[in-house]
Amino acid sequence: MEGQLELAGAGEHRIRTSNGSISLRMPHSTQGLLWAVTSNGRVEVLLGEHRIAGQKEVVLPSGAGPRLELTTSNGSITVLGY
């Protein structure tokens, strides 16, 4: 799954896949909670001040705002800021 995402307001959002990667582009100014986890892959986040790579799970609390949950079993997760 690949795309560009802008979250506004509050709420919970989930993107899940069993056998595939997730690749998102989001504004560097994104606020809220980002939770990304994979079983067989890696998580890379280059968003705002956050630079994290090679993890299985990443949790980024970033002020008030929506919660975004990204999960996959067999794939990687990439979140890049723009």
PDB file of N, CA and C in Angstrom:
ATOM      1  N   MET A   1       0.826  -1.151   0.000  1.00  0.00           N
ATOM      2  CA  MET A   1       0.000   0.000   0.000  1.00  0.00           C
ATOM      3  C   MET A   1       0.884   1.232   0.000  1.00  0.00           C
ATOM      4  N   GLU A   2       0.574   2.167  -0.841  1.00  0.00           N
ATOM      5  CA  GLU A   2       1.391   3.367  -0.957  1.00  0.00           C
ATOM      6  C   GLU A   2       0.477   4.564  -1.107  1.00  0.00           C
ATOM      7  N   GLY A   3       0.810   5.677  -0.433  1.00  0.00           N
ATOM      8  CA  GLY A   3      -0.024   6.857  -0.575  1.00  0.00           C
ATOM      9  C   GLY A   3       0.483   8.043   0.210  1.00  0.00           C
ATOM     10  N   GLN A   4      -0.306   9.116   0.121  1.00  0.00           N
ATOM     11  CA  GLN A   4      -0.025  10.353   0.833  1.00  0.00           C
ATOM     12  C   GLN A   4      -1.208  10.609   1.751  1.00  0.00           C
ATOM     13  N   LEU A   5      -0.941  11.033   2.975  1.00  0.00           N
ATOM     14  CA  LEU A   5      -1.995  11.141   3.974  1.00  0.00           C
ATOM     15  C   LEU A   5      -1.825  12.408   4.789  1.00  0.00           C
ATOM     16  N   GLU A   6      -2.936  13.145   4.968  1.00  0.00           N
ATOM     17  CA  GLU A   6      -2.973  14.302   5.859  1.00  0.00           C
ATOM     18  C   GLU A   6      -4.106  14.068   6.840  1.00  0.00           C
ATOM     19  N   LEU A   7      -3.792  14.052   8.129  1.00  0.00           N
ATOM     20  CA  LEU A   7      -4.793  13.843   9.174  1.00  0.00           C
ATOM     21  C   LEU A   7      -5.176  15.179   9.780  1.00  0.00           C
ATOM     22  N   ALA A   8      -6.471  15.394   9.919  1.00  0.00           N
ATOM     23  CA  ALA A   8      -6.956  16.632  10.531  1.00  0.00           C
ATOM     24  C   ALA A   8      -7.898  16.281  11.670  1.00  0.00           C
ATOM     25  N   GLY A   9      -7.873  17.084  12.706  1.00  0.00           N
ATOM     26  CA  GLY A   9      -8.783  16.860  13.822  1.00  0.00           C
ATOM     27  C   GLY A   9      -8.365  15.701  14.688  1.00  0.00           C
ATOM     28  N   ALA A  10      -9.340  15.099  15.334  1.00  0.00           N
ATOM     29  CA  ALA A  10      -9.084  13.978  16.237  1.00  0.00           C
ATOM     30  C   ALA A  10      -9.617  12.693  15.620  1.00  0.00           C
ATOM     31  N   GLY A  11      -9.444  11.605  16.344  1.00  0.00           N
ATOM     32  CA  GLY A  11      -9.965  10.327  15.885  1.00  0.00           C
ATOM     33  C   GLY A  11      -8.874   9.290  15.781  1.00  0.00           C
ATOM     34  N   GLU A  12      -9.305   8.077  15.474  1.00  0.00           N
ATOM     35  CA  GLU A  12      -8.371   6.963  15.307  1.00  0.00           C
ATOM     36  C   GLU A  12      -8.443   6.471  13.874  1.00  0.00           C
ATOM     37  N   HIS A  13      -7.273   6.221  13.306  1.00  0.00           N
ATOM     38  CA  HIS A  13      -7.169   5.762  11.930  1.00  0.00           C
ATOM     39  C   HIS A  13      -6.259   4.548  11.896  1.00  0.00           C
ATOM     40  N   ARG A  14      -6.651   3.521  11.131  1.00  0.00           N
ATOM     41  CA  ARG A  14      -5.858   2.294  11.051  1.00  0.00           C
ATOM     42  C   ARG A  14      -5.635   1.902   9.603  1.00  0.00           C
ATOM     43  N   ILE A  15      -4.397   1.534   9.323  1.00  0.00           N
ATOM     44  CA  ILE A  15      -4.053   0.948   8.031  1.00  0.00           C
ATOM     45  C   ILE A  15      -3.365  -0.364   8.339  1.00  0.00           C
ATOM     46  N   ARG A  16      -3.928  -1.458   7.836  1.00  0.00           N
ATOM     47  CA  ARG A  16      -3.390  -2.786   8.134  1.00  0.00           C
ATOM     48  C   ARG A  16      -3.276  -3.604   6.856  1.00  0.00           C
ATOM     49  N   THR A  17      -2.243  -4.431   6.825  1.00  0.00           N
ATOM     50  CA  THR A  17      -2.084  -5.398   5.753  1.00  0.00           C
ATOM     51  C   THR A  17      -1.404  -6.631   6.330  1.00  0.00           C
ATOM     52  N   SER A  18      -1.669  -7.778   5.738  1.00  0.00           N
ATOM     53  CA  SER A  18      -1.036  -9.011   6.215  1.00  0.00           C
ATOM     54  C   SER A  18       0.242  -9.307   5.451  1.00  0.00           C
ATOM     55  N   ASN A  19       0.186  -9.187   4.147  1.00  0.00           N
ATOM     56  CA  ASN A  19       1.328  -9.554   3.305  1.00  0.00           C
ATOM     57  C   ASN A  19       1.658  -8.423   2.345  1.00  0.00           C
ATOM     58  N   GLY A  20       2.232  -7.383   2.871  1.00  0.00           N
ATOM     59  CA  GLY A  20       2.617  -6.265   2.028  1.00  0.00           C
ATOM     60  C   GLY A  20       3.186  -5.147   2.859  1.00  0.00           C
ATOM     61  N   SER A  21       3.820  -4.243   2.198  1.00  0.00           N
ATOM     62  CA  SER A  21       4.436  -3.094   2.860  1.00  0.00           C
ATOM     63  C   SER A  21       3.482  -1.915   2.865  1.00  0.00           C
ATOM     64  N   ILE A  22       3.745  -0.976   3.766  1.00  0.00           N
ATOM     65  CA  ILE A  22       3.002   0.279   3.849  1.00  0.00           C
ATOM     66  C   ILE A  22       4.004   1.404   3.670  1.00  0.00           C
ATOM     67  N   SER A  23       3.735   2.285   2.727  1.00  0.00           N
ATOM     68  CA  SER A  23       4.613   3.428   2.472  1.00  0.00           C
ATOM     69  C   SER A  23       3.750   4.683   2.398  1.00  0.00           C
ATOM     70  N   LEU A  24       3.963   5.616   3.348  1.00  0.00           N
ATOM     71  CA  LEU A  24       3.166   6.839   3.406  1.00  0.00           C
ATOM     72  C   LEU A  24       4.045   8.072   3.387  1.00  0.00           C
ATOM     73  N   ARG A  25       3.507   9.117   2.772  1.00  0.00           N
ATOM     74  CA  ARG A  25       4.102  10.445   2.860  1.00  0.00           C
ATOM     75  C   ARG A  25       3.121  11.297   3.645  1.00  0.00           C
ATOM     76  N   MET A  26       3.650  12.016   4.649  1.00  0.00           N
ATOM     77  CA  MET A  26       2.827  12.856   5.500  1.00  0.00           C
ATOM     78  C   MET A  26       3.534  14.189   5.726  1.00  0.00           C
ATOM     79  N   PRO A  27       2.782  15.261   6.008  1.00  0.00           N
ATOM     80  CA  PRO A  27       3.425  16.548   6.290  1.00  0.00           C
ATOM     81  C   PRO A  27       4.327  16.455   7.521  1.00  0.00           C
ATOM     82  N   HIS A  28       5.448  17.122   7.479  1.00  0.00           N
ATOM     83  CA  HIS A  28       6.359  17.152   8.632  1.00  0.00           C
ATOM     84  C   HIS A  28       5.665  17.709   9.877  1.00  0.00           C
ATOM     85  N   SER A  29       4.641  18.511   9.695  1.00  0.00           N
ATOM     86  CA  SER A  29       3.947  19.149  10.817  1.00  0.00           C
ATOM     87  C   SER A  29       2.849  18.264  11.429  1.00  0.00           C
ATOM     88  N   THR A  30       2.752  17.008  11.032  1.00  0.00           N
ATOM     89  CA  THR A  30       1.713  16.117  11.531  1.00  0.00           C
ATOM     90  C   THR A  30       1.774  16.002  13.057  1.00  0.00           C
ATOM     91  N   GLN A  31       0.629  16.164  13.701  1.00  0.00           N
ATOM     92  CA  GLN A  31       0.510  16.057  15.155  1.00  0.00           C
ATOM     93  C   GLN A  31      -0.303  14.819  15.498  1.00  0.00           C
ATOM     94  N   GLY A  32      -0.135  14.313  16.699  1.00  0.00           N
ATOM     95  CA  GLY A  32      -0.892  13.159  17.156  1.00  0.00           C
ATOM     96  C   GLY A  32       0.035  12.022  17.524  1.00  0.00           C
ATOM     97  N   LEU A  33      -0.527  10.814  17.546  1.00  0.00           N
ATOM     98  CA  LEU A  33       0.227   9.624  17.915  1.00  0.00           C
ATOM     99  C   LEU A  33       0.364   8.726  16.699  1.00  0.00           C
ATOM    100  N   LEU A  34       1.580   8.338  16.392  1.00  0.00           N
ATOM    101  CA  LEU A  34       1.854   7.388  15.311  1.00  0.00           C
ATOM    102  C   LEU A  34       2.366   6.105  15.945  1.00  0.00           C
ATOM    103  N   TRP A  35       1.710   5.004  15.652  1.00  0.00           N
ATOM    104  CA  TRP A  35       2.139   3.683  16.120  1.00  0.00           C
ATOM    105  C   TRP A  35       2.306   2.817  14.892  1.00  0.00           C
ATOM    106  N   ALA A  36       3.514   2.314  14.656  1.00  0.00           N
ATOM    107  CA  ALA A  36       3.815   1.482  13.486  1.00  0.00           C
ATOM    108  C   ALA A  36       4.518   0.219  13.956  1.00  0.00           C
ATOM    109  N   VAL A  37       4.006  -0.953  13.538  1.00  0.00           N
ATOM    110  CA  VAL A  37       4.590  -2.213  13.974  1.00  0.00           C
ATOM    111  C   VAL A  37       4.518  -3.245  12.839  1.00  0.00           C
ATOM    112  N   THR A  38       5.576  -4.049  12.722  1.00  0.00           N
ATOM    113  CA  THR A  38       5.640  -5.130  11.753  1.00  0.00           C
ATOM    114  C   THR A  38       6.228  -6.364  12.418  1.00  0.00           C
ATOM    115  N   SER A  39       5.835  -7.528  11.952  1.00  0.00           N
ATOM    116  CA  SER A  39       6.388  -8.775  12.484  1.00  0.00           C
ATOM    117  C   SER A  39       7.638  -9.189  11.706  1.00  0.00           C
ATOM    118  N   ASN A  40       7.562  -9.110  10.388  1.00  0.00           N
ATOM    119  CA  ASN A  40       8.657  -9.565   9.520  1.00  0.00           C
ATOM    120  C   ASN A  40       9.020  -8.468   8.530  1.00  0.00           C
ATOM    121  N   GLY A  41       9.674  -7.465   9.006  1.00  0.00           N
ATOM    122  CA  GLY A  41      10.080  -6.330   8.181  1.00  0.00           C
ATOM    123  C   GLY A  41      10.766  -5.322   9.079  1.00  0.00           C
ATOM    124  N   ARG A  42      10.738  -4.070   8.664  1.00  0.00           N
ATOM    125  CA  ARG A  42      11.326  -3.011   9.477  1.00  0.00           C
ATOM    126  C   ARG A  42      10.492  -1.756   9.339  1.00  0.00           C
ATOM    127  N   VAL A  43      10.611  -0.892  10.327  1.00  0.00           N
ATOM    128  CA  VAL A  43       9.903   0.386  10.325  1.00  0.00           C
ATOM    129  C   VAL A  43      10.927   1.498  10.159  1.00  0.00           C
ATOM    130  N   GLU A  44      10.644   2.398   9.243  1.00  0.00           N
ATOM    131  CA  GLU A  44      11.476   3.581   9.022  1.00  0.00           C
ATOM    132  C   GLU A  44      10.581   4.808   9.060  1.00  0.00           C
ATOM    133  N   VAL A  45      10.930   5.774   9.906  1.00  0.00           N
ATOM    134  CA  VAL A  45      10.165   7.012  10.030  1.00  0.00           C
ATOM    135  C   VAL A  45      11.116   8.188   9.894  1.00  0.00           C
ATOM    136  N   LEU A  46      10.861   9.026   8.907  1.00  0.00           N
ATOM    137  CA  LEU A  46      11.601  10.275   8.692  1.00  0.00           C
ATOM    138  C   LEU A  46      10.552  11.371   8.611  1.00  0.00           C
ATOM    139  N   LEU A  47      10.088  11.811   9.767  1.00  0.00           N
ATOM    140  CA  LEU A  47       8.958  12.726   9.845  1.00  0.00           C
ATOM    141  C   LEU A  47       9.257  13.806  10.873  1.00  0.00           C
ATOM    142  N   GLY A  48       9.261  15.055  10.426  1.00  0.00           N
ATOM    143  CA  GLY A  48       9.591  16.154  11.336  1.00  0.00           C
ATOM    144  C   GLY A  48      10.982  15.967  11.898  1.00  0.00           C
ATOM    145  N   GLU A  49      11.103  16.008  13.226  1.00  0.00           N
ATOM    146  CA  GLU A  49      12.402  15.837  13.887  1.00  0.00           C
ATOM    147  C   GLU A  49      12.757  14.378  14.117  1.00  0.00           C
ATOM    148  N   HIS A  50      11.874  13.473  13.777  1.00  0.00           N
ATOM    149  CA  HIS A  50      12.082  12.054  14.052  1.00  0.00           C
ATOM    150  C   HIS A  50      12.809  11.366  12.894  1.00  0.00           C
ATOM    151  N   ARG A  51      13.872  10.657  13.228  1.00  0.00           N
ATOM    152  CA  ARG A  51      14.668   9.889  12.270  1.00  0.00           C
ATOM    153  C   ARG A  51      14.916   8.521  12.876  1.00  0.00           C
ATOM    154  N   ILE A  52      14.089   7.550  12.541  1.00  0.00           N
ATOM    155  CA  ILE A  52      14.172   6.219  13.135  1.00  0.00           C
ATOM    156  C   ILE A  52      14.173   5.192  12.011  1.00  0.00           C
ATOM    157  N   ALA A  53      15.075   4.223  12.073  1.00  0.00           N
ATOM    158  CA  ALA A  53      15.127   3.187  11.039  1.00  0.00           C
ATOM    159  C   ALA A  53      15.540   1.857  11.646  1.00  0.00           C
ATOM    160  N   GLY A  54      15.059   0.778  11.049  1.00  0.00           N
ATOM    161  CA  GLY A  54      15.481  -0.566  11.427  1.00  0.00           C
ATOM    162  C   GLY A  54      14.775  -1.156  12.622  1.00  0.00           C
ATOM    163  N   GLN A  55      13.702  -0.541  13.079  1.00  0.00           N
ATOM    164  CA  GLN A  55      12.977  -1.042  14.240  1.00  0.00           C
ATOM    165  C   GLN A  55      11.833  -1.968  13.803  1.00  0.00           C
ATOM    166  N   LYS A  56      11.298  -2.747  14.729  1.00  0.00           N
ATOM    167  CA  LYS A  56      10.093  -3.549  14.503  1.00  0.00           C
ATOM    168  C   LYS A  56       8.850  -2.791  14.940  1.00  0.00           C
ATOM    169  N   GLU A  57       9.035  -1.837  15.868  1.00  0.00           N
ATOM    170  CA  GLU A  57       7.912  -1.053  16.381  1.00  0.00           C
ATOM    171  C   GLU A  57       8.385   0.357  16.694  1.00  0.00           C
ATOM    172  N   VAL A  58       7.578   1.338  16.298  1.00  0.00           N
ATOM    173  CA  VAL A  58       7.878   2.741  16.568  1.00  0.00           C
ATOM    174  C   VAL A  58       6.609   3.397  17.104  1.00  0.00           C
ATOM    175  N   VAL A  59       6.732   4.123  18.205  1.00  0.00           N
ATOM    176  CA  VAL A  59       5.628   4.897  18.761  1.00  0.00           C
ATOM    177  C   VAL A  59       6.104   6.339  18.874  1.00  0.00           C
ATOM    178  N   LEU A  60       5.391   7.244  18.218  1.00  0.00           N
ATOM    179  CA  LEU A  60       5.759   8.661  18.246  1.00  0.00           C
ATOM    180  C   LEU A  60       4.598   9.487  18.778  1.00  0.00           C
ATOM    181  N   PRO A  61       4.658   9.900  20.026  1.00  0.00           N
ATOM    182  CA  PRO A  61       3.646  10.846  20.507  1.00  0.00           C
ATOM    183  C   PRO A  61       4.080  12.250  20.105  1.00  0.00           C
ATOM    184  N   SER A  62       3.206  12.968  19.448  1.00  0.00           N
ATOM    185  CA  SER A  62       3.571  14.289  18.960  1.00  0.00           C
ATOM    186  C   SER A  62       2.431  15.272  19.205  1.00  0.00           C
ATOM    187  N   GLY A  63       2.182  15.593  20.448  1.00  0.00           N
ATOM    188  CA  GLY A  63       1.151  16.561  20.782  1.00  0.00           C
ATOM    189  C   GLY A  63      -0.258  16.018  20.624  1.00  0.00           C
ATOM    190  N   ALA A  64      -1.209  16.918  20.768  1.00  0.00           N
ATOM    191  CA  ALA A  64      -2.613  16.543  20.633  1.00  0.00           C
ATOM    192  C   ALA A  64      -2.955  16.312  19.167  1.00  0.00           C
ATOM    193  N   GLY A  65      -3.882  15.426  18.934  1.00  0.00           N
ATOM    194  CA  GLY A  65      -4.313  15.172  17.574  1.00  0.00           C
ATOM    195  C   GLY A  65      -4.758  13.748  17.392  1.00  0.00           C
ATOM    196  N   PRO A  66      -4.903  13.315  16.153  1.00  0.00           N
ATOM    197  CA  PRO A  66      -5.403  11.979  15.869  1.00  0.00           C
ATOM    198  C   PRO A  66      -4.377  10.892  16.179  1.00  0.00           C
ATOM    199  N   ARG A  67      -4.862   9.659  16.229  1.00  0.00           N
ATOM    200  CA  ARG A  67      -4.008   8.495  16.428  1.00  0.00           C
ATOM    201  C   ARG A  67      -3.995   7.721  15.103  1.00  0.00           C
ATOM    202  N   LEU A  68      -2.802   7.401  14.620  1.00  0.00           N
ATOM    203  CA  LEU A  68      -2.640   6.628  13.390  1.00  0.00           C
ATOM    204  C   LEU A  68      -1.917   5.329  13.717  1.00  0.00           C
ATOM    205  N   GLU A  69      -2.540   4.224  13.406  1.00  0.00           N
ATOM    206  CA  GLU A  69      -1.979   2.895  13.670  1.00  0.00           C
ATOM    207  C   GLU A  69      -1.679   2.220  12.325  1.00  0.00           C
ATOM    208  N   LEU A  70      -0.415   1.839  12.124  1.00  0.00           N
ATOM    209  CA  LEU A  70       0.022   1.155  10.909  1.00  0.00           C
ATOM    210  C   LEU A  70       0.545  -0.217  11.306  1.00  0.00           C
ATOM    211  N   THR A  71      -0.007  -1.281  10.745  1.00  0.00           N
ATOM    212  CA  THR A  71       0.450  -2.624  11.090  1.00  0.00           C
ATOM    213  C   THR A  71       0.522  -3.497   9.855  1.00  0.00           C
ATOM    214  N   THR A  72       1.542  -4.349   9.833  1.00  0.00           N
ATOM    215  CA  THR A  72       1.682  -5.367   8.802  1.00  0.00           C
ATOM    216  C   THR A  72       2.406  -6.565   9.402  1.00  0.00           C
ATOM    217  N   SER A  73       2.132  -7.731   8.852  1.00  0.00           N
ATOM    218  CA  SER A  73       2.810  -8.944   9.328  1.00  0.00           C
ATOM    219  C   SER A  73       4.057  -9.241   8.513  1.00  0.00           C
ATOM    220  N   ASN A  74       3.926  -9.175   7.212  1.00  0.00           N
ATOM    221  CA  ASN A  74       5.029  -9.552   6.314  1.00  0.00           C
ATOM    222  C   ASN A  74       5.337  -8.419   5.355  1.00  0.00           C
ATOM    223  N   GLY A  75       5.961  -7.388   5.861  1.00  0.00           N
ATOM    224  CA  GLY A  75       6.330  -6.257   5.042  1.00  0.00           C
ATOM    225  C   GLY A  75       6.946  -5.182   5.909  1.00  0.00           C
ATOM    226  N   SER A  76       7.413  -4.143   5.271  1.00  0.00           N
ATOM    227  CA  SER A  76       8.010  -3.008   5.978  1.00  0.00           C
ATOM    228  C   SER A  76       7.052  -1.849   6.011  1.00  0.00           C
ATOM    229  N   ILE A  77       7.322  -0.901   6.907  1.00  0.00           N
ATOM    230  CA  ILE A  77       6.529   0.314   7.014  1.00  0.00           C
ATOM    231  C   ILE A  77       7.481   1.510   6.877  1.00  0.00           C
ATOM    232  N   THR A  78       7.144   2.411   5.971  1.00  0.00           N
ATOM    233  CA  THR A  78       7.937   3.621   5.752  1.00  0.00           C
ATOM    234  C   THR A  78       7.028   4.832   5.840  1.00  0.00           C
ATOM    235  N   VAL A  79       7.399   5.811   6.665  1.00  0.00           N
ATOM    236  CA  VAL A  79       6.667   7.067   6.772  1.00  0.00           C
ATOM    237  C   VAL A  79       7.669   8.183   6.518  1.00  0.00           C
ATOM    238  N   LEU A  80       7.463   8.914   5.425  1.00  0.00           N
ATOM    239  CA  LEU A  80       8.373   9.981   5.049  1.00  0.00           C
ATOM    240  C   LEU A  80       7.639  11.323   5.098  1.00  0.00           C
ATOM    241  N   GLY A  81       8.287  12.327   5.636  1.00  0.00           N
ATOM    242  CA  GLY A  81       7.712  13.661   5.693  1.00  0.00           C
ATOM    243  C   GLY A  81       7.982  14.449   4.440  1.00  0.00           C
ATOM    244  N   TYR A  82       7.113  15.418   4.177  1.00  0.00           N
ATOM    245  CA  TYR A  82       7.306  16.345   3.059  1.00  0.00           C
ATOM    246  C   TYR A  82       6.999  17.747   3.489  1.00  0.00           C
TER     247      TYR A  82
END
